[in-house]
Structure formats: structure tokens, C-alpha cells
Protein backbone atom coordinates (compact mmCIF):
# COMPACT_ATOMS: atom_id res chain seq x y z
CA UNK A 1 -17.93 21.09 3.19
CA UNK A 2 -17.18 19.44 0.09
CA UNK A 3 -13.71 19.76 -1.52
CA UNK A 4 -13.61 20.95 -4.96
CA UNK A 5 -11.93 18.90 -7.79
CA UNK A 6 -9.18 21.74 -8.06
CA UNK A 7 -8.77 21.70 -4.10
CA UNK A 8 -8.24 17.99 -4.10
CA UNK A 9 -5.50 18.10 -7.00
CA UNK A 10 -3.91 20.69 -4.91
CA UNK A 11 -3.98 18.55 -1.78
CA UNK A 12 -2.74 15.55 -3.54
CA UNK A 13 0.22 17.52 -5.43
CA UNK A 14 1.18 18.89 -1.88
CA UNK A 15 1.22 15.47 -0.78
CA UNK A 16 3.61 14.47 -3.69
CA UNK A 17 5.94 17.18 -2.48
CA UNK A 18 5.80 16.12 0.87
CA UNK A 19 6.77 12.74 -0.09
CA UNK A 20 9.43 13.64 -2.61
CA UNK A 21 10.97 15.93 0.26
CA UNK A 22 11.07 13.05 2.83
CA UNK A 23 12.41 10.46 0.18
CA UNK A 24 15.43 13.01 -0.66
CA UNK A 25 15.93 13.98 3.09
CA UNK A 26 15.59 10.06 4.26
CA UNK A 27 12.61 10.77 6.39
CA UNK A 28 10.40 8.62 4.33
CA UNK A 29 11.65 5.11 3.12
CA UNK A 30 12.59 5.60 -0.72
CA UNK A 31 10.71 2.69 -2.01
CA UNK A 32 7.42 3.12 0.31
CA UNK A 33 7.46 6.76 -1.09
CA UNK A 34 7.86 5.63 -4.72
CA UNK A 35 4.94 3.14 -4.09
CA UNK A 36 2.81 6.11 -2.65
CA UNK A 37 3.95 8.61 -5.68
CA UNK A 38 3.00 6.04 -8.15
CA UNK A 39 -0.54 5.95 -6.54
CA UNK A 40 -0.80 9.48 -6.72
CA UNK A 41 -0.17 9.53 -10.54
CA UNK A 42 -3.91 9.65 -11.40
CA UNK A 43 -4.63 12.14 -8.50
CA UNK A 44 -2.59 15.14 -9.67
CA UNK A 45 -4.49 16.41 -12.47
CA UNK A 46 -1.64 15.29 -15.13
CA UNK A 47 -1.63 12.99 -17.85
CA UNK A 48 -1.19 9.38 -16.68
CA UNK A 49 2.07 9.07 -18.68
CA UNK A 50 3.45 12.19 -16.94
CA UNK A 51 7.35 11.15 -16.74
CA UNK A 52 7.92 12.22 -13.23
CA UNK A 53 5.07 10.11 -11.72
CA UNK A 54 5.65 7.17 -14.57
CA UNK A 55 9.10 6.75 -13.13
CA UNK A 56 7.76 5.98 -9.75
CA UNK A 57 5.36 3.48 -11.38
CA UNK A 58 8.07 1.59 -12.96
CA UNK A 59 9.71 1.69 -9.51
CA UNK A 60 6.71 0.46 -7.76
CA UNK A 61 6.45 -2.23 -10.49
CA UNK A 62 10.03 -3.45 -9.86
CA UNK A 63 9.50 -3.89 -6.06
CA UNK A 64 5.99 -4.91 -5.76
CA UNK A 65 7.21 -8.35 -4.62
CA UNK A 66 9.24 -7.18 -1.61
CA UNK A 67 8.11 -6.74 1.97
CA UNK A 68 7.39 -2.87 2.36
CA UNK A 69 5.68 -0.86 4.76
CA UNK A 70 2.83 -2.29 6.63
CA UNK A 71 3.22 -5.31 4.86
CA UNK A 72 6.29 -6.51 6.59
CA UNK A 73 4.51 -7.35 9.76
CA UNK A 74 2.83 -10.44 8.09
CA UNK A 75 6.27 -11.79 6.92
CA UNK A 76 8.53 -13.92 8.92
CA UNK A 77 11.87 -12.62 10.24
CA UNK A 78 13.58 -15.31 8.18
CA UNK A 79 11.82 -14.07 5.03
CA UNK A 80 12.67 -10.55 5.84
CA UNK A 81 16.18 -11.28 6.27
CA UNK A 82 16.23 -13.08 2.78
CA UNK A 83 15.20 -10.02 1.26
CA UNK A 84 17.08 -7.43 2.98
CA UNK A 85 19.84 -7.55 0.39
CA UNK A 86 17.44 -7.07 -2.33
CA UNK A 87 15.86 -4.45 -0.68
CA UNK A 88 18.88 -2.52 -0.33
CA UNK A 89 19.95 -2.82 -3.86
CA UNK A 90 16.42 -1.91 -5.05
CA UNK A 91 16.87 1.23 -2.87
CA UNK A 92 20.19 2.32 -4.52
CA UNK A 93 18.75 1.25 -7.98
CA UNK A 94 15.40 3.32 -7.46
CA UNK A 95 17.37 6.34 -6.25
CA UNK A 96 19.80 6.40 -9.41
CA UNK A 97 16.61 5.93 -11.73
CA UNK A 98 14.30 8.35 -10.00
CA UNK A 99 15.92 10.83 -7.86
CA UNK A 100 15.84 13.45 -10.54
CA UNK A 101 12.06 13.01 -10.53
CA UNK A 102 11.79 13.81 -6.82
CA UNK A 103 13.45 16.96 -7.36
CA UNK A 104 11.11 17.88 -10.44
CA UNK A 105 8.10 17.20 -8.55
CA UNK A 106 9.15 19.53 -5.82
CA UNK A 107 10.28 22.14 -8.32
CA UNK A 108 6.61 21.74 -10.15
CA UNK A 109 4.44 21.65 -7.32
CA UNK A 110 5.90 23.19 -4.14
CA UNK A 111 3.85 26.42 -3.82
């Protein structure tokens, strides 16, 4: 059965809540979650300039050169080690920059 546009949007909003919750409780890597939330920006039925999702687009843009998620498997251990401090600093910055946006996404879309 085909999903309606409204059902699709609701599914993506639920995914956004799931990501935001996981980012807050530490079960989802903060930077990886931010990148995925950025990609959901066009899938949740809001303006592309929605401030909550746009914050994660800014984070994703700042960390797009770092070895995150599945891409890490293609990096040498030496390169991963060289980027570890920058990743830790980026996580700290991203949380300061967007933690309130995580909370807002949960408040807006948790059903």
C-alpha cells in the first residue's frame, strides 16, 4: 500500500524525534545525528529555513570533512587518530550550538 504524503511527513518527523532523543541521551553519535537531521530538513513538511533543522545543516556543513559514521571504515587508523581531537571539539561545539534545537524538535513532533 502506498504511503500518502502526510504519512511520509509524519514518519520523517518521528525519525527526527528518535534522532534528537538519541543525540540527547548519547545513544546516537551527536555529529552523525546532526548530519541525518540536516538531511531530513526537506522531508518533514516545513520551510527549508526552519530554524531547528537549519541549525543541523550548519553543524553538518562544519563537520563534513571529518570521518563520521560508516565512512570511518575507509580511513586509515592514523588518519582517524589525527582527527580524533577535532571530532571531540566538534561534538562539544555542536552540542552548545544545537542542543536547544534537539529539544525543540522533540517538543514539536513527539506524538
